[in-house]
Amino acid sequence: MSFGTWAAFAAASAILLIFPGPTILLVVSYALGQGWRTALPMAAGVALGDFTAMTLSMLGIGALLLASATVFTVLKWVGAAYLIYLGIKLFRAGGSLDAKPRTDAASAGKMLVHAWLVTALNPKSITFFVAFLPQFLSHDGDFFTQMLIFEATFLTLGFVNAFGYALVASRARNIVGDPRAITIFNRTGGTLLVGAGVATVAMRSGN
């Protein structure tokens, strides 16, 4: 695996993680209701959930990689289209986060398990990984080495992203509730995602 491939994966992952899906909305809800103490257990739960979904996805991708190079190539094209779709969806998401403060008493362990389950059991997580990861896998490289590197990178970024969302939501609630700030945030992220999808298509065409 080249450094360029890893850097492209890290950059695309960072953009994708910022997308406020069910997991992030859960993190924000706890942080709005219970403050900064939620950051560590929620971030740890998100990382564990991503690890579960990503490992299951990678094992399935590995089977495809061994079974058919053609199917694997088709999956890469589908993944590029999926990136563009996510970018358009994020761009059009508007200026609000559907996250209401959670004021129910919850221990750190309960919050960790809740975040893990929401992340790992979300069908979109596995679908996302199956569509996204093949863009960066080399058919000629060692699959398990690539799997280890990509998982470690994504889980680190996922932990930092969830931790950051929790801190911002607990300390800067006016930003989370500002439609203008959220709109700018979503449109910037959406544009970057579409750009990543188009760049992936360009790379496929050039091969």
C-alpha atoms as a PDB file:
ATOM      1  CA  MET A   1       0.000   0.000   0.000  1.00  0.00           C
ATOM      2  CA  SER A   2       1.385   3.394  -0.976  1.00  0.00           C
ATOM      3  CA  PHE A   3       1.348   6.420   1.304  1.00  0.00           C
ATOM      4  CA  GLY A   4      -0.848   8.197  -1.247  1.00  0.00           C
ATOM      5  CA  THR A   5      -3.508   5.492  -1.003  1.00  0.00           C
ATOM      6  CA  TRP A   6      -3.471   5.619   2.786  1.00  0.00           C
ATOM      7  CA  ALA A   7      -3.637   9.434   2.781  1.00  0.00           C
ATOM      8  CA  ALA A   8      -6.589   9.365   0.364  1.00  0.00           C
ATOM      9  CA  PHE A   9      -8.366   6.847   2.594  1.00  0.00           C
ATOM     10  CA  ALA A  10      -7.703   8.923   5.719  1.00  0.00           C
ATOM     11  CA  ALA A  11      -8.948  12.117   4.053  1.00  0.00           C
ATOM     12  CA  ALA A  12     -12.106  10.501   2.669  1.00  0.00           C
ATOM     13  CA  SER A  13     -12.795   8.816   6.011  1.00  0.00           C
ATOM     14  CA  ALA A  14     -12.448  12.100   7.896  1.00  0.00           C
ATOM     15  CA  ILE A  15     -14.986  13.761   5.583  1.00  0.00           C
ATOM     16  CA  LEU A  16     -17.404  10.842   5.802  1.00  0.00           C
ATOM     17  CA  LEU A  17     -17.209  10.623   9.588  1.00  0.00           C
ATOM     18  CA  ILE A  18     -18.277  14.241   9.992  1.00  0.00           C
ATOM     19  CA  PHE A  19     -21.602  13.357   8.323  1.00  0.00           C
ATOM     20  CA  PRO A  20     -24.141  13.519  11.216  1.00  0.00           C
ATOM     21  CA  GLY A  21     -25.799  10.115  11.044  1.00  0.00           C
ATOM     22  CA  PRO A  22     -27.674   8.234  13.806  1.00  0.00           C
ATOM     23  CA  THR A  23     -24.518   7.642  15.842  1.00  0.00           C
ATOM     24  CA  ILE A  24     -23.462  11.283  15.932  1.00  0.00           C
ATOM     25  CA  LEU A  25     -27.001  12.401  16.708  1.00  0.00           C
ATOM     26  CA  LEU A  26     -26.948  10.050  19.704  1.00  0.00           C
ATOM     27  CA  VAL A  27     -23.588  11.477  20.830  1.00  0.00           C
ATOM     28  CA  VAL A  28     -24.895  15.039  20.524  1.00  0.00           C
ATOM     29  CA  SER A  29     -28.116  14.168  22.383  1.00  0.00           C
ATOM     30  CA  TYR A  30     -26.214  12.812  25.380  1.00  0.00           C
ATOM     31  CA  ALA A  31     -23.760  15.707  25.345  1.00  0.00           C
ATOM     32  CA  LEU A  32     -26.520  18.325  25.195  1.00  0.00           C
ATOM     33  CA  GLY A  33     -28.301  16.739  28.135  1.00  0.00           C
ATOM     34  CA  GLN A  34     -25.410  15.620  30.342  1.00  0.00           C
ATOM     35  CA  GLY A  35     -22.369  17.646  29.389  1.00  0.00           C
ATOM     36  CA  TRP A  36     -18.757  16.898  28.633  1.00  0.00           C
ATOM     37  CA  ARG A  37     -18.576  13.754  30.807  1.00  0.00           C
ATOM     38  CA  THR A  38     -20.313  11.850  28.010  1.00  0.00           C
ATOM     39  CA  ALA A  39     -17.454  12.419  25.549  1.00  0.00           C
ATOM     40  CA  LEU A  40     -15.136   9.544  26.490  1.00  0.00           C
ATOM     41  CA  PRO A  41     -17.664   6.702  26.927  1.00  0.00           C
ATOM     42  CA  MET A  42     -19.641   7.733  23.842  1.00  0.00           C
ATOM     43  CA  ALA A  43     -16.506   7.996  21.694  1.00  0.00           C
ATOM     44  CA  ALA A  44     -15.305   4.604  22.936  1.00  0.00           C
ATOM     45  CA  GLY A  45     -18.700   3.062  22.150  1.00  0.00           C
ATOM     46  CA  VAL A  46     -18.668   4.526  18.655  1.00  0.00           C
ATOM     47  CA  ALA A  47     -15.173   3.126  18.037  1.00  0.00           C
ATOM     48  CA  LEU A  48     -16.254  -0.337  19.202  1.00  0.00           C
ATOM     49  CA  GLY A  49     -19.336  -0.173  16.996  1.00  0.00           C
ATOM     50  CA  ASP A  50     -17.289   0.871  13.979  1.00  0.00           C
ATOM     51  CA  PHE A  51     -14.848  -1.950  14.704  1.00  0.00           C
ATOM     52  CA  THR A  52     -17.689  -4.486  14.737  1.00  0.00           C
ATOM     53  CA  ALA A  53     -19.327  -3.242  11.530  1.00  0.00           C
ATOM     54  CA  MET A  54     -16.033  -2.685   9.730  1.00  0.00           C
ATOM     55  CA  THR A  55     -14.640  -6.125  10.591  1.00  0.00           C
ATOM     56  CA  LEU A  56     -17.783  -7.871   9.348  1.00  0.00           C
ATOM     57  CA  SER A  57     -17.684  -5.803   6.169  1.00  0.00           C
ATOM     58  CA  MET A  58     -13.988  -6.416   5.555  1.00  0.00           C
ATOM     59  CA  LEU A  59     -14.411 -10.167   5.898  1.00  0.00           C
ATOM     60  CA  GLY A  60     -17.168 -10.072   3.299  1.00  0.00           C
ATOM     61  CA  ILE A  61     -15.042  -7.914   1.001  1.00  0.00           C
ATOM     62  CA  GLY A  62     -12.163 -10.359   1.398  1.00  0.00           C
ATOM     63  CA  ALA A  63     -14.385 -13.179   0.190  1.00  0.00           C
ATOM     64  CA  LEU A  64     -15.371 -11.121  -2.859  1.00  0.00           C
ATOM     65  CA  LEU A  65     -11.751 -10.279  -3.538  1.00  0.00           C
ATOM     66  CA  LEU A  66     -10.860 -13.961  -3.631  1.00  0.00           C
ATOM     67  CA  ALA A  67     -13.953 -15.040  -5.560  1.00  0.00           C
ATOM     68  CA  SER A  68     -14.130 -12.617  -8.472  1.00  0.00           C
ATOM     69  CA  ALA A  69     -11.968  -9.730  -9.654  1.00  0.00           C
ATOM     70  CA  THR A  70     -14.817  -8.552 -11.898  1.00  0.00           C
ATOM     71  CA  VAL A  71     -17.346  -8.358  -9.061  1.00  0.00           C
ATOM     72  CA  PHE A  72     -14.772  -6.547  -6.947  1.00  0.00           C
ATOM     73  CA  THR A  73     -14.209  -3.978  -9.720  1.00  0.00           C
ATOM     74  CA  VAL A  74     -17.959  -3.432 -10.106  1.00  0.00           C
ATOM     75  CA  LEU A  75     -18.179  -2.885  -6.356  1.00  0.00           C
ATOM     76  CA  LYS A  76     -15.553  -0.149  -6.639  1.00  0.00           C
ATOM     77  CA  TRP A  77     -17.664   1.683  -9.234  1.00  0.00           C
ATOM     78  CA  VAL A  78     -20.750   1.314  -7.057  1.00  0.00           C
ATOM     79  CA  GLY A  79     -18.758   2.690  -4.143  1.00  0.00           C
ATOM     80  CA  ALA A  80     -17.718   5.765  -6.118  1.00  0.00           C
ATOM     81  CA  ALA A  81     -21.356   6.441  -6.973  1.00  0.00           C
ATOM     82  CA  TYR A  82     -22.259   5.965  -3.305  1.00  0.00           C
ATOM     83  CA  LEU A  83     -19.779   8.651  -2.261  1.00  0.00           C
ATOM     84  CA  ILE A  84     -21.378  11.093  -4.694  1.00  0.00           C
ATOM     85  CA  TYR A  85     -24.855  10.166  -3.416  1.00  0.00           C
ATOM     86  CA  LEU A  86     -23.810  10.775   0.202  1.00  0.00           C
ATOM     87  CA  GLY A  87     -22.284  14.109  -0.781  1.00  0.00           C
ATOM     88  CA  ILE A  88     -25.480  15.301  -2.476  1.00  0.00           C
ATOM     89  CA  LYS A  89     -27.555  14.112   0.480  1.00  0.00           C
ATOM     90  CA  LEU A  90     -25.340  15.982   2.936  1.00  0.00           C
ATOM     91  CA  PHE A  91     -25.359  19.137   0.779  1.00  0.00           C
ATOM     92  CA  ARG A  92     -29.162  19.124   0.811  1.00  0.00           C
ATOM     93  CA  ALA A  93     -29.490  18.229   4.498  1.00  0.00           C
ATOM     94  CA  GLY A  94     -30.443  21.746   5.560  1.00  0.00           C
ATOM     95  CA  GLY A  95     -29.530  23.557   8.728  1.00  0.00           C
ATOM     96  CA  SER A  96     -30.634  21.478  11.662  1.00  0.00           C
ATOM     97  CA  LEU A  97     -29.521  18.520  13.729  1.00  0.00           C
ATOM     98  CA  ASP A  98     -32.386  16.340  14.917  1.00  0.00           C
ATOM     99  CA  ALA A  99     -30.881  15.772  18.346  1.00  0.00           C
ATOM    100  CA  LYS A 100     -32.855  16.382  21.532  1.00  0.00           C
ATOM    101  CA  PRO A 101     -31.060  16.546  24.904  1.00  0.00           C
ATOM    102  CA  ARG A 102     -31.124  13.258  26.832  1.00  0.00           C
ATOM    103  CA  THR A 103     -31.554  13.940  30.512  1.00  0.00           C
ATOM    104  CA  ASP A 104     -32.104  10.352  31.696  1.00  0.00           C
ATOM    105  CA  ALA A 105     -29.505   9.210  34.208  1.00  0.00           C
ATOM    106  CA  ALA A 106     -26.974   6.971  32.482  1.00  0.00           C
ATOM    107  CA  SER A 107     -23.680   5.524  33.680  1.00  0.00           C
ATOM    108  CA  ALA A 108     -20.552   5.625  31.542  1.00  0.00           C
ATOM    109  CA  GLY A 109     -20.948   1.910  30.851  1.00  0.00           C
ATOM    110  CA  LYS A 110     -24.546   2.305  29.727  1.00  0.00           C
ATOM    111  CA  MET A 111     -23.630   5.158  27.380  1.00  0.00           C
ATOM    112  CA  LEU A 112     -20.744   3.130  25.924  1.00  0.00           C
ATOM    113  CA  VAL A 113     -22.972   0.118  25.239  1.00  0.00           C
ATOM    114  CA  HIS A 114     -25.721   2.311  23.773  1.00  0.00           C
ATOM    115  CA  ALA A 115     -23.291   3.972  21.345  1.00  0.00           C
ATOM    116  CA  TRP A 116     -21.778   0.594  20.422  1.00  0.00           C
ATOM    117  CA  LEU A 117     -25.142  -0.990  19.655  1.00  0.00           C
ATOM    118  CA  VAL A 118     -26.474   1.958  17.642  1.00  0.00           C
ATOM    119  CA  THR A 119     -23.277   2.050  15.564  1.00  0.00           C
ATOM    120  CA  ALA A 120     -22.762  -1.688  15.084  1.00  0.00           C
ATOM    121  CA  LEU A 121     -26.398  -2.644  14.450  1.00  0.00           C
ATOM    122  CA  ASN A 122     -27.132   0.125  11.964  1.00  0.00           C
ATOM    123  CA  PRO A 123     -27.505  -1.699   8.596  1.00  0.00           C
ATOM    124  CA  LYS A 124     -26.230   1.418   6.841  1.00  0.00           C
ATOM    125  CA  SER A 125     -22.853   1.022   8.568  1.00  0.00           C
ATOM    126  CA  ILE A 126     -22.105  -2.333   6.956  1.00  0.00           C
ATOM    127  CA  THR A 127     -23.521  -1.156   3.615  1.00  0.00           C
ATOM    128  CA  PHE A 128     -21.319   1.905   3.827  1.00  0.00           C
ATOM    129  CA  PHE A 129     -18.145  -0.041   4.537  1.00  0.00           C
ATOM    130  CA  VAL A 130     -18.834  -2.579   1.772  1.00  0.00           C
ATOM    131  CA  ALA A 131     -19.267   0.267  -0.733  1.00  0.00           C
ATOM    132  CA  PHE A 132     -16.474   2.503   0.581  1.00  0.00           C
ATOM    133  CA  LEU A 133     -13.513   0.282   1.444  1.00  0.00           C
ATOM    134  CA  PRO A 134     -12.934  -1.396  -1.946  1.00  0.00           C
ATOM    135  CA  GLN A 135     -11.953   1.994  -3.395  1.00  0.00           C
ATOM    136  CA  PHE A 136      -8.655   1.767  -1.548  1.00  0.00           C
ATOM    137  CA  LEU A 137      -7.893  -1.958  -1.464  1.00  0.00           C
ATOM    138  CA  SER A 138      -5.245  -3.357  -3.776  1.00  0.00           C
ATOM    139  CA  HIS A 139      -6.023  -6.688  -5.394  1.00  0.00           C
ATOM    140  CA  ASP A 140      -2.299  -7.504  -5.363  1.00  0.00           C
ATOM    141  CA  GLY A 141      -1.514  -6.505  -1.776  1.00  0.00           C
ATOM    142  CA  ASP A 142      -1.886  -8.593   1.369  1.00  0.00           C
ATOM    143  CA  PHE A 143      -5.535  -8.282   2.344  1.00  0.00           C
ATOM    144  CA  PHE A 144      -5.139  -8.664   6.111  1.00  0.00           C
ATOM    145  CA  THR A 145      -2.322  -6.112   6.283  1.00  0.00           C
ATOM    146  CA  GLN A 146      -4.494  -3.611   4.423  1.00  0.00           C
ATOM    147  CA  MET A 147      -7.441  -4.502   6.656  1.00  0.00           C
ATOM    148  CA  LEU A 148      -5.408  -3.831   9.802  1.00  0.00           C
ATOM    149  CA  ILE A 149      -4.114  -0.467   8.562  1.00  0.00           C
ATOM    150  CA  PHE A 150      -7.486   0.757   7.321  1.00  0.00           C
ATOM    151  CA  GLU A 151      -9.337  -0.341  10.456  1.00  0.00           C
ATOM    152  CA  ALA A 152      -6.792   1.273  12.774  1.00  0.00           C
ATOM    153  CA  THR A 153      -6.975   4.511  10.788  1.00  0.00           C
ATOM    154  CA  PHE A 154     -10.757   4.635  10.606  1.00  0.00           C
ATOM    155  CA  LEU A 155     -11.292   3.731  14.254  1.00  0.00           C
ATOM    156  CA  THR A 156      -8.845   6.409  15.415  1.00  0.00           C
ATOM    157  CA  LEU A 157     -10.565   9.036  13.284  1.00  0.00           C
ATOM    158  CA  GLY A 158     -13.994   7.815  14.393  1.00  0.00           C
ATOM    159  CA  PHE A 159     -13.067   8.092  18.061  1.00  0.00           C
ATOM    160  CA  VAL A 160     -11.665  11.609  17.613  1.00  0.00           C
ATOM    161  CA  ASN A 161     -14.722  12.688  15.602  1.00  0.00           C
ATOM    162  CA  ALA A 162     -17.251  11.432  18.178  1.00  0.00           C
ATOM    163  CA  PHE A 163     -15.196  12.885  21.045  1.00  0.00           C
ATOM    164  CA  GLY A 164     -15.059  16.238  19.263  1.00  0.00           C
ATOM    165  CA  TYR A 165     -18.797  16.286  18.585  1.00  0.00           C
ATOM    166  CA  ALA A 166     -19.508  15.568  22.253  1.00  0.00           C
ATOM    167  CA  LEU A 167     -17.229  18.359  23.456  1.00  0.00           C
ATOM    168  CA  VAL A 168     -18.622  20.897  20.988  1.00  0.00           C
ATOM    169  CA  ALA A 169     -22.214  19.965  21.825  1.00  0.00           C
ATOM    170  CA  SER A 170     -21.588  20.241  25.576  1.00  0.00           C
ATOM    171  CA  ARG A 171     -19.578  23.467  25.520  1.00  0.00           C
ATOM    172  CA  ALA A 172     -20.817  25.349  22.446  1.00  0.00           C
ATOM    173  CA  ARG A 173     -24.503  24.522  22.272  1.00  0.00           C
ATOM    174  CA  ASN A 174     -25.255  27.719  20.384  1.00  0.00           C
ATOM    175  CA  ILE A 175     -23.199  26.403  17.441  1.00  0.00           C
ATOM    176  CA  VAL A 176     -25.052  23.071  17.387  1.00  0.00           C
ATOM    177  CA  GLY A 177     -28.360  24.926  17.357  1.00  0.00           C
ATOM    178  CA  ASP A 178     -27.379  27.550  14.754  1.00  0.00           C
ATOM    179  CA  PRO A 179     -29.054  26.674  11.412  1.00  0.00           C
ATOM    180  CA  ARG A 180     -26.665  28.888   9.453  1.00  0.00           C
ATOM    181  CA  ALA A 181     -23.564  27.209  10.889  1.00  0.00           C
ATOM    182  CA  ILE A 182     -25.001  23.727  10.299  1.00  0.00           C
ATOM    183  CA  THR A 183     -25.949  24.621   6.710  1.00  0.00           C
ATOM    184  CA  ILE A 184     -22.439  25.851   5.918  1.00  0.00           C
ATOM    185  CA  PHE A 185     -21.011  22.767   7.598  1.00  0.00           C
ATOM    186  CA  ASN A 186     -23.241  20.373   5.632  1.00  0.00           C
ATOM    187  CA  ARG A 187     -22.697  22.055   2.276  1.00  0.00           C
ATOM    188  CA  THR A 188     -18.940  22.127   2.704  1.00  0.00           C
ATOM    189  CA  GLY A 189     -18.862  18.461   3.669  1.00  0.00           C
ATOM    190  CA  GLY A 190     -21.244  17.521   0.864  1.00  0.00           C
ATOM    191  CA  THR A 191     -19.116  19.294  -1.725  1.00  0.00           C
ATOM    192  CA  LEU A 192     -15.997  17.513  -0.486  1.00  0.00           C
ATOM    193  CA  LEU A 193     -17.749  14.135  -0.629  1.00  0.00           C
ATOM    194  CA  VAL A 194     -18.928  14.658  -4.197  1.00  0.00           C
ATOM    195  CA  GLY A 195     -15.389  15.707  -5.098  1.00  0.00           C
ATOM    196  CA  ALA A 196     -14.036  12.503  -3.525  1.00  0.00           C
ATOM    197  CA  GLY A 197     -16.497  10.411  -5.533  1.00  0.00           C
ATOM    198  CA  VAL A 198     -15.646  12.152  -8.784  1.00  0.00           C
ATOM    199  CA  ALA A 199     -11.913  11.802  -8.093  1.00  0.00           C
ATOM    200  CA  THR A 200     -12.425   8.092  -7.502  1.00  0.00           C
ATOM    201  CA  VAL A 201     -14.216   7.729 -10.849  1.00  0.00           C
ATOM    202  CA  ALA A 202     -11.391   9.651 -12.543  1.00  0.00           C
ATOM    203  CA  MET A 203      -8.813   7.304 -11.013  1.00  0.00           C
ATOM    204  CA  ARG A 204     -10.792   4.257 -12.177  1.00  0.00           C
ATOM    205  CA  SER A 205     -11.010   5.655 -15.713  1.00  0.00           C
ATOM    206  CA  GLY A 206      -7.299   6.341 -15.775  1.00  0.00           C
ATOM    207  CA  ASN A 207      -6.360   2.761 -14.856  1.00  0.00           C
END
